Every structure is written in structure tokens, then in C-alpha cells.
Amino acid sequence: MTALTLAGAVVVGLTLGLFGGGGSILTVPLLVYVAGVPAKAAIAMSLFVVGVTSVVSAAGHARAGRIRWKTGLVFGLAGMAGAYGGGLLGPHLPAAMLLAGFALMMLATAVAMICGRGTPEPAPAHKELPILHVVVEGVVVGLVTGLVGAGGGFLVVPALVLLGGMPMGTAVATSLVVIAMKSFAGLAGYLQTVPVDWSIALPATAAAVAGGLLGGWLAGRIHADRLRTGFGWFVLVMGGFVLIQQVPPALFHTAWGVTALLAGAAAAIAAITYLLLCQGRRALRAGELGRT
């Protein structure tokens, strides 16, 4: 276990504590490209790291009374069903396919962080909890969690705000309960066929827990929107790197392969341009709100 791996694990916990998600998206690349862990073992290990870190981070929120247990448990139980199924299915898929899927998840996370419209408007507080919607979304997000080892916090937090009528701080706290439940269910599925190197998993988890405690302490003391945007750009670059790593080398030696790569590069430039424009619109809206 290198110092760089431990430092990366601290960042994983830090972002989980700050945002209620996002940090888990770094765990698999950290374990694969820095610690040298095979892809499927890295996914299983990341589920353990994220699950334990989420439990510890949620404890502080629970003491402060910020967790909505009913909504969180309903979402979490549905997510556990999907995550266990994903954990059973994932080990039977090619590692390159799993990493490519994980990279696409990273790109989606980055877009959500960079282009988000700020804090969503919560549903009315008196509104009945839409159990069917919560269960369906929980199963879908859980399936993704189990397959690729990403907690899906960037999907869970808006869902809790919109479906559960929660303020943002309460949704972040409750999402940690959901992420922990889904992560352990996905881990249970992976452990049926994939071994975990605990000599790496336990120190990485301890470092992530320390980062999670620090993130929880920093939450509310820094400008979270700016930090989220910067983190989004970092995740975007990392997702692109992971995706490129899955391109077969032989593809570079064919005309069709070069054409596909050029088309991909053009699409990436267009996407980055869109994100820059999107970020500019957010800054303009923030300025207009500041003048009113």
C-alpha cells in the first residue's frame, strides 16, 4: 500500500463527506491504476471502502438529526436488491466492459456536477412519499452500484430532494445511508466469486474514513458549489482516461478505427464546449440572483 494510494483514499472519503456522493467514483481508478488491483477485485474492494466510509460519515449526521430514516431505508432496501443482483452479474462480464461502463458513469457524474442547476426545489413537505418511484429508482441505481462499484450518490441526492421533499443537507445525510446499504449488498454479490485483498482494502478504508470525517467537518464551511464544479472537471478528465484505456490497441491501425477515434475526439470537444457554456450560464444566473 503506497502513500499515494492512501492519499487518494483520503480524497475519496473527503468528497463523500462533503457531497454525499462523488468520492466513490474515484475508488476503482485509484485501486486499478495506482494500487495495481485487478478490475473486478477493485470493484469489490471499492464497495467495501465506500460502504464503511458512508456508515461512519452518516453517524455524525444521525447525531445531528439530519437523516430521514423512512425514506432512506425504503430507497436503500430497493437499492440493495439491485446492487446484489449487479454484484452477482458483474464478475461474469469482461473486465474491459466493466471499466468502460465505470468510465461512462464517471462522465455522467462529471456532467451532473458541472452542469447541475444548483439545489433542486424540494417536493412539498406534506406530499405522500411516492413509494413506487423510490423503489424503481432505488433498484436501478443499486444495479449500477453492484455492477461497477459506484455508489450513485449524484443520482440519490437529487432523487431524495425531489421525491422525498428533503432540503439539500438532509438529502446528503440520508444518501449516505442509502449508499452504505447498496454498497454492502453489491459487495455480498461480488464476494461469491471474487476474492478481496484485505491488506489493501483495510488501510484504504481507514484513510477514506479519515477523509469522510474531515469532509463532514468541512461541509458548510466552504463554498460547496465551486468545489463541486472543480471536482466535476477532475472526474471528467479521469473518466476520459479510463475510457481511452479500454480501447483495443489494434483499433489504432485500421482506417475505421482512426475514423471512430476522430469522431470520438470531435464529440468530446463538443461536449466540453457545451459544459463550458453551461457553466457560464450558471455563473450568469448566480450573478443575477446576487443583484436581486
C-alpha atoms as a PDB file:
ATOM      1  CA  MET A   1       0.000   0.000   0.000  1.00  0.00           C
ATOM      2  CA  THR A   2       1.687   3.199  -1.207  1.00  0.00           C
ATOM      3  CA  ALA A   3       1.398   6.691   0.264  1.00  0.00           C
ATOM      4  CA  LEU A   4      -0.227   7.833  -2.992  1.00  0.00           C
ATOM      5  CA  THR A   5      -2.963   5.203  -2.626  1.00  0.00           C
ATOM      6  CA  LEU A   6      -3.638   6.282   0.952  1.00  0.00           C
ATOM      7  CA  ALA A   7      -3.764   9.950  -0.071  1.00  0.00           C
ATOM      8  CA  GLY A   8      -6.242   9.075  -2.815  1.00  0.00           C
ATOM      9  CA  ALA A   9      -8.386   7.175  -0.318  1.00  0.00           C
ATOM     10  CA  VAL A  10      -8.497  10.267   1.905  1.00  0.00           C
ATOM     11  CA  VAL A  11      -9.824  12.255  -1.088  1.00  0.00           C
ATOM     12  CA  VAL A  12     -12.484   9.579  -1.661  1.00  0.00           C
ATOM     13  CA  GLY A  13     -13.715   9.959   1.908  1.00  0.00           C
ATOM     14  CA  LEU A  14     -13.451  13.748   1.783  1.00  0.00           C
ATOM     15  CA  THR A  15     -15.772  14.046  -1.197  1.00  0.00           C
ATOM     16  CA  LEU A  16     -18.239  11.549   0.279  1.00  0.00           C
ATOM     17  CA  GLY A  17     -18.400  13.597   3.474  1.00  0.00           C
ATOM     18  CA  LEU A  18     -18.805  16.873   1.575  1.00  0.00           C
ATOM     19  CA  PHE A  19     -21.307  15.892  -1.115  1.00  0.00           C
ATOM     20  CA  GLY A  20     -22.921  12.619  -0.013  1.00  0.00           C
ATOM     21  CA  GLY A  21     -21.514  11.063  -3.203  1.00  0.00           C
ATOM     22  CA  GLY A  22     -18.854  11.563  -5.838  1.00  0.00           C
ATOM     23  CA  GLY A  23     -15.912  10.142  -3.901  1.00  0.00           C
ATOM     24  CA  SER A  24     -16.827   6.562  -4.727  1.00  0.00           C
ATOM     25  CA  ILE A  25     -16.355   7.303  -8.419  1.00  0.00           C
ATOM     26  CA  LEU A  26     -12.605   7.671  -7.738  1.00  0.00           C
ATOM     27  CA  THR A  27     -12.135   4.453  -5.787  1.00  0.00           C
ATOM     28  CA  VAL A  28     -11.956   1.990  -8.690  1.00  0.00           C
ATOM     29  CA  PRO A  29      -9.462   4.040 -10.791  1.00  0.00           C
ATOM     30  CA  LEU A  30      -7.385   4.584  -7.640  1.00  0.00           C
ATOM     31  CA  LEU A  31      -7.215   0.862  -6.911  1.00  0.00           C
ATOM     32  CA  VAL A  32      -6.679  -0.201 -10.537  1.00  0.00           C
ATOM     33  CA  TYR A  33      -4.161   2.390 -11.763  1.00  0.00           C
ATOM     34  CA  VAL A  34      -2.365   3.340  -8.517  1.00  0.00           C
ATOM     35  CA  ALA A  35      -2.583   0.234  -6.316  1.00  0.00           C
ATOM     36  CA  GLY A  36      -2.429  -2.235  -9.254  1.00  0.00           C
ATOM     37  CA  VAL A  37      -5.532  -4.202  -8.203  1.00  0.00           C
ATOM     38  CA  PRO A  38      -7.331  -6.234 -10.957  1.00  0.00           C
ATOM     39  CA  ALA A  39     -10.525  -4.567 -12.169  1.00  0.00           C
ATOM     40  CA  LYS A  40     -13.096  -6.958 -10.667  1.00  0.00           C
ATOM     41  CA  ALA A  41     -11.297  -7.143  -7.329  1.00  0.00           C
ATOM     42  CA  ALA A  42     -11.042  -3.338  -7.350  1.00  0.00           C
ATOM     43  CA  ILE A  43     -14.817  -3.024  -7.834  1.00  0.00           C
ATOM     44  CA  ALA A  44     -15.465  -5.413  -4.927  1.00  0.00           C
ATOM     45  CA  MET A  45     -12.928  -3.597  -2.765  1.00  0.00           C
ATOM     46  CA  SER A  46     -14.381  -0.193  -3.628  1.00  0.00           C
ATOM     47  CA  LEU A  47     -17.812  -1.350  -2.454  1.00  0.00           C
ATOM     48  CA  PHE A  48     -16.318  -2.187   0.946  1.00  0.00           C
ATOM     49  CA  VAL A  49     -14.375   1.095   1.188  1.00  0.00           C
ATOM     50  CA  VAL A  50     -17.379   3.199   0.216  1.00  0.00           C
ATOM     51  CA  GLY A  51     -19.795   1.235   2.419  1.00  0.00           C
ATOM     52  CA  VAL A  52     -17.730   1.600   5.590  1.00  0.00           C
ATOM     53  CA  THR A  53     -16.899   5.254   4.884  1.00  0.00           C
ATOM     54  CA  SER A  54     -20.571   6.054   4.305  1.00  0.00           C
ATOM     55  CA  VAL A  55     -21.572   4.415   7.611  1.00  0.00           C
ATOM     56  CA  VAL A  56     -19.018   6.437   9.564  1.00  0.00           C
ATOM     57  CA  SER A  57     -19.891   9.671   7.761  1.00  0.00           C
ATOM     58  CA  ALA A  58     -23.614   9.055   8.330  1.00  0.00           C
ATOM     59  CA  ALA A  59     -23.089   8.606  12.086  1.00  0.00           C
ATOM     60  CA  GLY A  60     -22.297  12.285  12.584  1.00  0.00           C
ATOM     61  CA  HIS A  61     -25.343  13.317  10.540  1.00  0.00           C
ATOM     62  CA  ALA A  62     -27.522  10.921  12.553  1.00  0.00           C
ATOM     63  CA  ARG A  63     -26.415  12.510  15.826  1.00  0.00           C
ATOM     64  CA  ALA A  64     -27.386  15.896  14.392  1.00  0.00           C
ATOM     65  CA  GLY A  65     -30.833  14.542  13.413  1.00  0.00           C
ATOM     66  CA  ARG A  66     -30.398  15.198   9.675  1.00  0.00           C
ATOM     67  CA  ILE A  67     -31.281  11.700   8.387  1.00  0.00           C
ATOM     68  CA  ARG A  68     -34.814  10.846   7.190  1.00  0.00           C
ATOM     69  CA  TRP A  69     -34.812   7.195   8.109  1.00  0.00           C
ATOM     70  CA  LYS A  70     -38.090   6.092   6.486  1.00  0.00           C
ATOM     71  CA  THR A  71     -37.229   7.423   3.026  1.00  0.00           C
ATOM     72  CA  GLY A  72     -33.606   6.347   3.291  1.00  0.00           C
ATOM     73  CA  LEU A  73     -34.461   2.787   4.314  1.00  0.00           C
ATOM     74  CA  VAL A  74     -37.086   2.362   1.566  1.00  0.00           C
ATOM     75  CA  PHE A  75     -34.648   3.653  -1.078  1.00  0.00           C
ATOM     76  CA  GLY A  76     -31.795   1.662   0.461  1.00  0.00           C
ATOM     77  CA  LEU A  77     -33.668  -1.661   0.582  1.00  0.00           C
ATOM     78  CA  ALA A  78     -34.678  -1.295  -3.074  1.00  0.00           C
ATOM     79  CA  GLY A  79     -31.087  -0.364  -3.898  1.00  0.00           C
ATOM     80  CA  MET A  80     -29.779  -3.424  -2.039  1.00  0.00           C
ATOM     81  CA  ALA A  81     -31.866  -5.728  -4.235  1.00  0.00           C
ATOM     82  CA  GLY A  82     -30.478  -4.138  -7.401  1.00  0.00           C
ATOM     83  CA  ALA A  83     -26.922  -3.978  -6.038  1.00  0.00           C
ATOM     84  CA  TYR A  84     -26.868  -7.650  -5.014  1.00  0.00           C
ATOM     85  CA  GLY A  85     -28.024  -8.621  -8.495  1.00  0.00           C
ATOM     86  CA  GLY A  86     -25.374  -6.381 -10.048  1.00  0.00           C
ATOM     87  CA  GLY A  87     -22.742  -7.873  -7.748  1.00  0.00           C
ATOM     88  CA  LEU A  88     -23.674 -11.382  -8.893  1.00  0.00           C
ATOM     89  CA  LEU A  89     -23.670 -10.401 -12.576  1.00  0.00           C
ATOM     90  CA  GLY A  90     -20.543  -8.218 -12.616  1.00  0.00           C
ATOM     91  CA  PRO A  91     -17.927 -10.958 -12.070  1.00  0.00           C
ATOM     92  CA  HIS A  92     -19.195 -12.777 -15.197  1.00  0.00           C
ATOM     93  CA  LEU A  93     -18.720  -9.759 -17.503  1.00  0.00           C
ATOM     94  CA  PRO A  94     -15.420  -8.858 -19.229  1.00  0.00           C
ATOM     95  CA  ALA A  95     -13.220  -6.565 -17.143  1.00  0.00           C
ATOM     96  CA  ALA A  96     -12.867  -4.118 -20.062  1.00  0.00           C
ATOM     97  CA  MET A  97     -16.657  -3.850 -20.329  1.00  0.00           C
ATOM     98  CA  LEU A  98     -16.957  -3.141 -16.601  1.00  0.00           C
ATOM     99  CA  LEU A  99     -14.258  -0.472 -16.718  1.00  0.00           C
ATOM    100  CA  ALA A 100     -15.820   1.118 -19.811  1.00  0.00           C
ATOM    101  CA  GLY A 101     -19.176   1.173 -18.024  1.00  0.00           C
ATOM    102  CA  PHE A 102     -17.498   2.673 -14.987  1.00  0.00           C
ATOM    103  CA  ALA A 103     -15.887   5.358 -17.150  1.00  0.00           C
ATOM    104  CA  LEU A 104     -19.280   6.277 -18.610  1.00  0.00           C
ATOM    105  CA  MET A 105     -20.600   6.515 -15.037  1.00  0.00           C
ATOM    106  CA  MET A 106     -17.731   8.888 -14.257  1.00  0.00           C
ATOM    107  CA  LEU A 107     -18.597  11.062 -17.260  1.00  0.00           C
ATOM    108  CA  ALA A 108     -22.248  11.174 -16.210  1.00  0.00           C
ATOM    109  CA  THR A 109     -21.195  12.141 -12.685  1.00  0.00           C
ATOM    110  CA  ALA A 110     -18.976  14.918 -14.051  1.00  0.00           C
ATOM    111  CA  VAL A 111     -21.787  16.351 -16.181  1.00  0.00           C
ATOM    112  CA  ALA A 112     -24.149  16.268 -13.194  1.00  0.00           C
ATOM    113  CA  MET A 113     -21.619  18.127 -11.042  1.00  0.00           C
ATOM    114  CA  ILE A 114     -20.578  20.717 -13.645  1.00  0.00           C
ATOM    115  CA  CYS A 115     -23.949  21.352 -15.269  1.00  0.00           C
ATOM    116  CA  GLY A 116     -26.245  20.904 -12.280  1.00  0.00           C
ATOM    117  CA  ARG A 117     -28.770  23.637 -11.791  1.00  0.00           C
ATOM    118  CA  GLY A 118     -27.778  24.147  -8.188  1.00  0.00           C
ATOM    119  CA  THR A 119     -30.018  22.911  -5.400  1.00  0.00           C
ATOM    120  CA  PRO A 120     -33.228  21.353  -6.759  1.00  0.00           C
ATOM    121  CA  GLU A 121     -36.521  22.585  -5.378  1.00  0.00           C
ATOM    122  CA  PRO A 122     -37.744  20.051  -2.819  1.00  0.00           C
ATOM    123  CA  ALA A 123     -41.164  18.475  -3.122  1.00  0.00           C
ATOM    124  CA  PRO A 124     -43.858  19.827  -0.771  1.00  0.00           C
ATOM    125  CA  ALA A 125     -43.209  18.619   2.779  1.00  0.00           C
ATOM    126  CA  HIS A 126     -46.760  17.267   3.152  1.00  0.00           C
ATOM    127  CA  LYS A 127     -46.640  15.236  -0.041  1.00  0.00           C
ATOM    128  CA  GLU A 128     -47.027  11.460   0.313  1.00  0.00           C
ATOM    129  CA  LEU A 129     -43.802   9.578  -0.313  1.00  0.00           C
ATOM    130  CA  PRO A 130     -44.052   8.106  -3.862  1.00  0.00           C
ATOM    131  CA  ILE A 131     -43.055   4.589  -2.799  1.00  0.00           C
ATOM    132  CA  LEU A 132     -43.201   3.069  -6.316  1.00  0.00           C
ATOM    133  CA  HIS A 133     -40.945   5.774  -7.789  1.00  0.00           C
ATOM    134  CA  VAL A 134     -38.496   5.462  -4.898  1.00  0.00           C
ATOM    135  CA  VAL A 135     -38.378   1.664  -5.241  1.00  0.00           C
ATOM    136  CA  VAL A 136     -37.884   1.716  -9.035  1.00  0.00           C
ATOM    137  CA  GLU A 137     -35.134   4.334  -8.894  1.00  0.00           C
ATOM    138  CA  GLY A 138     -33.541   2.544  -5.952  1.00  0.00           C
ATOM    139  CA  VAL A 139     -33.361  -0.759  -7.864  1.00  0.00           C
ATOM    140  CA  VAL A 140     -31.899   0.892 -10.994  1.00  0.00           C
ATOM    141  CA  VAL A 141     -29.262   2.878  -9.092  1.00  0.00           C
ATOM    142  CA  GLY A 142     -28.492  -0.201  -6.995  1.00  0.00           C
ATOM    143  CA  LEU A 143     -27.927  -2.324 -10.104  1.00  0.00           C
ATOM    144  CA  VAL A 144     -25.375   0.205 -11.378  1.00  0.00           C
ATOM    145  CA  THR A 145     -23.706   0.250  -7.953  1.00  0.00           C
ATOM    146  CA  GLY A 146     -23.379  -3.519  -7.877  1.00  0.00           C
ATOM    147  CA  LEU A 147     -22.060  -3.759 -11.436  1.00  0.00           C
ATOM    148  CA  VAL A 148     -19.384  -1.049 -11.429  1.00  0.00           C
ATOM    149  CA  GLY A 149     -18.785  -0.247  -7.766  1.00  0.00           C
ATOM    150  CA  ALA A 150     -20.010   3.367  -7.882  1.00  0.00           C
ATOM    151  CA  GLY A 151     -22.334   4.452  -5.101  1.00  0.00           C
ATOM    152  CA  GLY A 152     -24.503   6.615  -7.348  1.00  0.00           C
ATOM    153  CA  GLY A 153     -24.718   9.429  -4.808  1.00  0.00           C
ATOM    154  CA  PHE A 154     -25.069  12.021  -7.573  1.00  0.00           C
ATOM    155  CA  LEU A 155     -28.327  10.257  -8.530  1.00  0.00           C
ATOM    156  CA  VAL A 156     -29.510   9.537  -4.993  1.00  0.00           C
ATOM    157  CA  VAL A 157     -29.243  13.094  -3.634  1.00  0.00           C
ATOM    158  CA  PRO A 158     -31.477  14.767  -6.289  1.00  0.00           C
ATOM    159  CA  ALA A 159     -33.935  11.860  -6.042  1.00  0.00           C
ATOM    160  CA  LEU A 160     -34.257  12.355  -2.286  1.00  0.00           C
ATOM    161  CA  VAL A 161     -34.764  16.089  -2.757  1.00  0.00           C
ATOM    162  CA  LEU A 162     -37.385  15.706  -5.483  1.00  0.00           C
ATOM    163  CA  LEU A 163     -39.156  12.534  -4.333  1.00  0.00           C
ATOM    164  CA  GLY A 164     -38.725  12.809  -0.589  1.00  0.00           C
ATOM    165  CA  GLY A 165     -39.229  16.570  -0.218  1.00  0.00           C
ATOM    166  CA  MET A 166     -35.909  16.988   1.617  1.00  0.00           C
ATOM    167  CA  PRO A 167     -33.682  20.041   2.000  1.00  0.00           C
ATOM    168  CA  MET A 168     -30.255  19.554   0.390  1.00  0.00           C
ATOM    169  CA  GLY A 169     -28.392  18.984   3.668  1.00  0.00           C
ATOM    170  CA  THR A 170     -30.883  16.328   4.772  1.00  0.00           C
ATOM    171  CA  ALA A 171     -30.693  14.611   1.362  1.00  0.00           C
ATOM    172  CA  VAL A 172     -26.872  14.463   1.541  1.00  0.00           C
ATOM    173  CA  ALA A 173     -27.064  12.923   5.025  1.00  0.00           C
ATOM    174  CA  THR A 174     -29.757  10.403   4.039  1.00  0.00           C
ATOM    175  CA  SER A 175     -27.914   9.459   0.840  1.00  0.00           C
ATOM    176  CA  LEU A 176     -25.016   8.137   2.926  1.00  0.00           C
ATOM    177  CA  VAL A 177     -27.368   5.555   4.484  1.00  0.00           C
ATOM    178  CA  VAL A 178     -28.590   4.532   1.011  1.00  0.00           C
ATOM    179  CA  ILE A 179     -25.044   4.309  -0.388  1.00  0.00           C
ATOM    180  CA  ALA A 180     -23.881   2.165   2.548  1.00  0.00           C
ATOM    181  CA  MET A 181     -26.773  -0.274   2.158  1.00  0.00           C
ATOM    182  CA  LYS A 182     -26.279  -0.601  -1.609  1.00  0.00           C
ATOM    183  CA  SER A 183     -22.506  -0.949  -1.319  1.00  0.00           C
ATOM    184  CA  PHE A 184     -22.648  -3.817   1.176  1.00  0.00           C
ATOM    185  CA  ALA A 185     -25.294  -5.619  -0.895  1.00  0.00           C
ATOM    186  CA  GLY A 186     -23.165  -5.293  -4.028  1.00  0.00           C
ATOM    187  CA  LEU A 187     -20.111  -6.493  -2.087  1.00  0.00           C
ATOM    188  CA  ALA A 188     -22.058  -9.577  -0.955  1.00  0.00           C
ATOM    189  CA  GLY A 189     -22.729 -10.418  -4.597  1.00  0.00           C
ATOM    190  CA  TYR A 190     -19.096  -9.959  -5.659  1.00  0.00           C
ATOM    191  CA  LEU A 191     -17.704 -11.982  -2.745  1.00  0.00           C
ATOM    192  CA  GLN A 192     -19.432 -15.092  -4.134  1.00  0.00           C
ATOM    193  CA  THR A 193     -16.735 -15.323  -6.838  1.00  0.00           C
ATOM    194  CA  VAL A 194     -14.173 -12.501  -6.385  1.00  0.00           C
ATOM    195  CA  PRO A 195     -11.553 -12.536  -3.570  1.00  0.00           C
ATOM    196  CA  VAL A 196     -10.587  -9.297  -1.792  1.00  0.00           C
ATOM    197  CA  ASP A 197      -7.045  -8.445  -0.695  1.00  0.00           C
ATOM    198  CA  TRP A 198      -7.754  -7.140   2.824  1.00  0.00           C
ATOM    199  CA  SER A 199      -4.170  -5.954   3.248  1.00  0.00           C
ATOM    200  CA  ILE A 200      -5.069  -3.228   0.736  1.00  0.00           C
ATOM    201  CA  ALA A 201      -8.774  -2.851   1.496  1.00  0.00           C
ATOM    202  CA  LEU A 202      -8.448  -2.179   5.238  1.00  0.00           C
ATOM    203  CA  PRO A 203      -5.764   0.583   5.115  1.00  0.00           C
ATOM    204  CA  ALA A 204      -7.573   2.235   2.184  1.00  0.00           C
ATOM    205  CA  THR A 205     -10.821   2.120   4.167  1.00  0.00           C
ATOM    206  CA  ALA A 206      -9.180   3.650   7.246  1.00  0.00           C
ATOM    207  CA  ALA A 207      -7.785   6.504   5.119  1.00  0.00           C
ATOM    208  CA  ALA A 208     -11.167   7.047   3.448  1.00  0.00           C
ATOM    209  CA  VAL A 209     -12.910   7.124   6.839  1.00  0.00           C
ATOM    210  CA  ALA A 210     -10.484   9.832   7.995  1.00  0.00           C
ATOM    211  CA  GLY A 211     -11.283  11.803   4.847  1.00  0.00           C
ATOM    212  CA  GLY A 212     -15.011  11.309   5.394  1.00  0.00           C
ATOM    213  CA  LEU A 213     -14.792  12.741   8.915  1.00  0.00           C
ATOM    214  CA  LEU A 214     -12.844  15.715   7.584  1.00  0.00           C
ATOM    215  CA  GLY A 215     -15.389  16.212   4.783  1.00  0.00           C
ATOM    216  CA  GLY A 216     -18.252  16.180   7.259  1.00  0.00           C
ATOM    217  CA  TRP A 217     -16.471  18.821   9.346  1.00  0.00           C
ATOM    218  CA  LEU A 218     -15.762  20.997   6.284  1.00  0.00           C
ATOM    219  CA  ALA A 219     -19.335  20.779   4.949  1.00  0.00           C
ATOM    220  CA  GLY A 220     -20.916  24.177   5.415  1.00  0.00           C
ATOM    221  CA  ARG A 221     -17.553  25.872   5.990  1.00  0.00           C
ATOM    222  CA  ILE A 222     -16.539  26.164   2.318  1.00  0.00           C
ATOM    223  CA  HIS A 223     -18.222  27.188  -0.940  1.00  0.00           C
ATOM    224  CA  ALA A 224     -19.568  23.758  -1.938  1.00  0.00           C
ATOM    225  CA  ASP A 225     -20.786  24.772  -5.432  1.00  0.00           C
ATOM    226  CA  ARG A 226     -17.343  25.894  -6.615  1.00  0.00           C
ATOM    227  CA  LEU A 227     -15.695  22.828  -5.112  1.00  0.00           C
ATOM    228  CA  ARG A 228     -18.289  20.571  -6.773  1.00  0.00           C
ATOM    229  CA  THR A 229     -17.632  22.157 -10.174  1.00  0.00           C
ATOM    230  CA  GLY A 230     -13.865  21.758  -9.847  1.00  0.00           C
ATOM    231  CA  PHE A 231     -14.266  18.160  -8.747  1.00  0.00           C
ATOM    232  CA  GLY A 232     -16.590  17.578 -11.702  1.00  0.00           C
ATOM    233  CA  TRP A 233     -13.895  18.650 -14.171  1.00  0.00           C
ATOM    234  CA  PHE A 234     -11.387  16.374 -12.453  1.00  0.00           C
ATOM    235  CA  VAL A 235     -13.773  13.414 -12.694  1.00  0.00           C
ATOM    236  CA  LEU A 236     -14.394  14.262 -16.366  1.00  0.00           C
ATOM    237  CA  VAL A 237     -10.672  14.003 -17.150  1.00  0.00           C
ATOM    238  CA  MET A 238     -10.316  10.789 -15.137  1.00  0.00           C
ATOM    239  CA  GLY A 239     -13.348   9.246 -16.860  1.00  0.00           C
ATOM    240  CA  GLY A 240     -11.910  10.067 -20.265  1.00  0.00           C
ATOM    241  CA  PHE A 241      -8.579   8.487 -19.254  1.00  0.00           C
ATOM    242  CA  VAL A 242     -10.246   5.263 -18.054  1.00  0.00           C
ATOM    243  CA  LEU A 243     -12.369   5.063 -21.217  1.00  0.00           C
ATOM    244  CA  ILE A 244      -9.351   5.541 -23.521  1.00  0.00           C
ATOM    245  CA  GLN A 245      -7.502   2.790 -21.648  1.00  0.00           C
ATOM    246  CA  GLN A 246     -10.203   0.308 -22.753  1.00  0.00           C
ATOM    247  CA  VAL A 247      -9.698   0.975 -26.499  1.00  0.00           C
ATOM    248  CA  PRO A 248      -8.039  -2.097 -28.096  1.00  0.00           C
ATOM    249  CA  PRO A 249      -4.551  -1.180 -29.427  1.00  0.00           C
ATOM    250  CA  ALA A 250      -5.356  -2.836 -32.784  1.00  0.00           C
ATOM    251  CA  LEU A 251      -8.039  -0.206 -33.361  1.00  0.00           C
ATOM    252  CA  PHE A 252      -5.377   2.427 -33.963  1.00  0.00           C
ATOM    253  CA  HIS A 253      -4.098   0.521 -37.019  1.00  0.00           C
ATOM    254  CA  THR A 254      -7.284   0.475 -39.093  1.00  0.00           C
ATOM    255  CA  ALA A 255      -8.969   3.194 -41.140  1.00  0.00           C
ATOM    256  CA  TRP A 256     -12.294   2.576 -39.432  1.00  0.00           C
ATOM    257  CA  GLY A 257     -10.596   2.719 -36.053  1.00  0.00           C
ATOM    258  CA  VAL A 258      -8.916   6.041 -36.776  1.00  0.00           C
ATOM    259  CA  THR A 259     -12.222   7.428 -38.089  1.00  0.00           C
ATOM    260  CA  ALA A 260     -14.007   6.306 -34.931  1.00  0.00           C
ATOM    261  CA  LEU A 261     -11.330   7.854 -32.735  1.00  0.00           C
ATOM    262  CA  LEU A 262     -11.521  11.166 -34.634  1.00  0.00           C
ATOM    263  CA  ALA A 263     -15.307  11.137 -34.298  1.00  0.00           C
ATOM    264  CA  GLY A 264     -14.935  10.467 -30.591  1.00  0.00           C
ATOM    265  CA  ALA A 265     -12.484  13.345 -30.247  1.00  0.00           C
ATOM    266  CA  ALA A 266     -14.908  15.679 -32.055  1.00  0.00           C
ATOM    267  CA  ALA A 267     -17.730  14.559 -29.759  1.00  0.00           C
ATOM    268  CA  ALA A 268     -15.517  15.153 -26.716  1.00  0.00           C
ATOM    269  CA  ILE A 269     -14.659  18.685 -27.884  1.00  0.00           C
ATOM    270  CA  ALA A 270     -18.349  19.416 -28.472  1.00  0.00           C
ATOM    271  CA  ALA A 271     -19.230  18.073 -25.012  1.00  0.00           C
ATOM    272  CA  ILE A 272     -16.541  20.156 -23.290  1.00  0.00           C
ATOM    273  CA  THR A 273     -17.713  23.253 -25.161  1.00  0.00           C
ATOM    274  CA  TYR A 274     -21.265  22.581 -24.013  1.00  0.00           C
ATOM    275  CA  LEU A 275     -20.132  22.145 -20.414  1.00  0.00           C
ATOM    276  CA  LEU A 276     -18.185  25.418 -20.538  1.00  0.00           C
ATOM    277  CA  LEU A 277     -21.258  27.224 -21.883  1.00  0.00           C
ATOM    278  CA  CYS A 278     -23.390  25.510 -19.246  1.00  0.00           C
ATOM    279  CA  GLN A 279     -21.012  26.625 -16.509  1.00  0.00           C
ATOM    280  CA  GLY A 280     -21.084  30.173 -17.902  1.00  0.00           C
ATOM    281  CA  ARG A 281     -24.889  30.194 -17.746  1.00  0.00           C
ATOM    282  CA  ARG A 282     -24.773  29.048 -14.138  1.00  0.00           C
ATOM    283  CA  ALA A 283     -22.370  31.873 -13.253  1.00  0.00           C
ATOM    284  CA  LEU A 284     -24.631  34.378 -15.045  1.00  0.00           C
ATOM    285  CA  ARG A 285     -27.706  33.139 -13.152  1.00  0.00           C
ATOM    286  CA  ALA A 286     -25.810  33.338  -9.881  1.00  0.00           C
ATOM    287  CA  GLY A 287     -24.826  36.930 -10.679  1.00  0.00           C
ATOM    288  CA  GLU A 288     -28.398  37.885 -11.486  1.00  0.00           C
ATOM    289  CA  LEU A 289     -29.634  36.332  -8.246  1.00  0.00           C
ATOM    290  CA  GLY A 290     -26.946  38.211  -6.335  1.00  0.00           C
ATOM    291  CA  ARG A 291     -28.181  41.546  -7.730  1.00  0.00           C
ATOM    292  CA  THR A 292     -31.832  40.890  -6.816  1.00  0.00           C
END
